[in-house]
Amino acid sequence: MSAEEPLFRIVRGVPTAEELAALVGVIATRSRPVAAPAPAPTSLWSRSARPTAAAPTAGRGAWRASGLPR
């Protein structure tokens, strides 16, 4: 592609300035790299849940520690 060659051309019809601006906007938007999608928002129900604690470990006195709040 040379410097004098246009990036695109209208082959049919006579577009208005607004139509050309819309076309340029669409082309500019579509030529951008796609961003990573935003993470899904956390629901109020799952945010209100108690934080999960680590699983109790086996060993002496583990049964007592498993029922007590940390």
Protein backbone atom coordinates (compact mmCIF):
# COMPACT_ATOMS: atom_id res chain seq x y z
CA MET A 1 0.00 0.00 0.00
CA SER A 2 1.46 3.36 -0.98
CA ALA A 3 1.09 6.67 0.85
CA GLU A 4 -1.25 8.07 -1.85
CA GLU A 5 -3.55 5.06 -1.82
CA PRO A 6 -6.63 5.53 0.44
CA LEU A 7 -7.33 3.07 3.24
CA PHE A 8 -10.89 2.57 1.98
CA ARG A 9 -13.08 4.03 -0.74
CA ILE A 10 -16.79 4.44 -1.38
CA VAL A 11 -17.72 2.48 -4.50
CA ARG A 12 -21.42 3.28 -4.63
CA GLY A 13 -23.60 6.17 -3.49
CA VAL A 14 -22.76 9.57 -2.06
CA PRO A 15 -22.45 9.38 1.74
CA THR A 16 -23.03 12.41 3.93
CA ALA A 17 -20.41 13.67 6.37
CA GLU A 18 -22.30 11.97 9.23
CA GLU A 19 -22.36 8.63 7.41
CA LEU A 20 -18.62 8.83 6.73
CA ALA A 21 -17.97 9.72 10.37
CA ALA A 22 -20.02 6.70 11.47
CA LEU A 23 -18.09 4.45 9.08
CA VAL A 24 -14.75 5.72 10.33
CA GLY A 25 -15.90 5.20 13.93
CA VAL A 26 -16.90 1.60 13.25
CA ILE A 27 -13.63 0.83 11.46
CA ALA A 28 -11.58 2.43 14.24
CA THR A 29 -13.48 0.52 16.93
CA ARG A 30 -13.21 -2.82 15.14
CA SER A 31 -9.47 -2.41 14.53
CA ARG A 32 -8.62 -2.09 18.25
CA PRO A 33 -7.40 -5.17 20.12
CA VAL A 34 -10.05 -6.89 22.21
CA ALA A 35 -9.68 -6.35 25.94
CA ALA A 36 -10.04 -9.19 28.41
CA PRO A 37 -13.59 -9.49 29.74
CA ALA A 38 -14.26 -8.08 33.17
CA PRO A 39 -14.68 -10.66 35.93
CA ALA A 40 -18.26 -11.51 36.81
CA PRO A 41 -19.54 -9.49 39.77
CA THR A 42 -19.94 -11.35 43.04
CA SER A 43 -23.53 -11.70 44.14
CA LEU A 44 -24.68 -10.28 47.47
CA TRP A 45 -25.61 -13.80 48.56
CA SER A 46 -22.11 -15.21 48.10
CA ARG A 47 -20.44 -12.09 49.55
CA SER A 48 -22.45 -12.44 52.75
CA ALA A 49 -21.25 -15.99 53.38
CA ARG A 50 -18.81 -16.66 56.15
CA PRO A 51 -15.23 -16.98 55.00
CA THR A 52 -14.19 -20.55 54.60
CA ALA A 53 -11.60 -21.80 57.03
CA ALA A 54 -8.91 -24.29 56.27
CA ALA A 55 -9.90 -27.92 56.69
CA PRO A 56 -9.14 -29.25 60.16
CA THR A 57 -5.92 -31.17 60.36
CA ALA A 58 -5.68 -34.60 61.84
CA GLY A 59 -3.84 -35.06 65.07
CA ARG A 60 -4.11 -34.83 68.80
CA GLY A 61 -6.94 -32.52 69.90
CA ALA A 62 -8.16 -31.92 66.34
CA TRP A 63 -11.73 -32.85 67.22
CA ARG A 64 -11.84 -30.05 69.84
CA ALA A 65 -10.41 -27.45 67.46
CA SER A 66 -12.84 -28.37 64.69
CA GLY A 67 -15.87 -27.01 66.57
CA LEU A 68 -14.42 -23.79 67.90
CA PRO A 69 -14.57 -20.49 65.99
CA ARG A 70 -11.22 -19.29 64.75
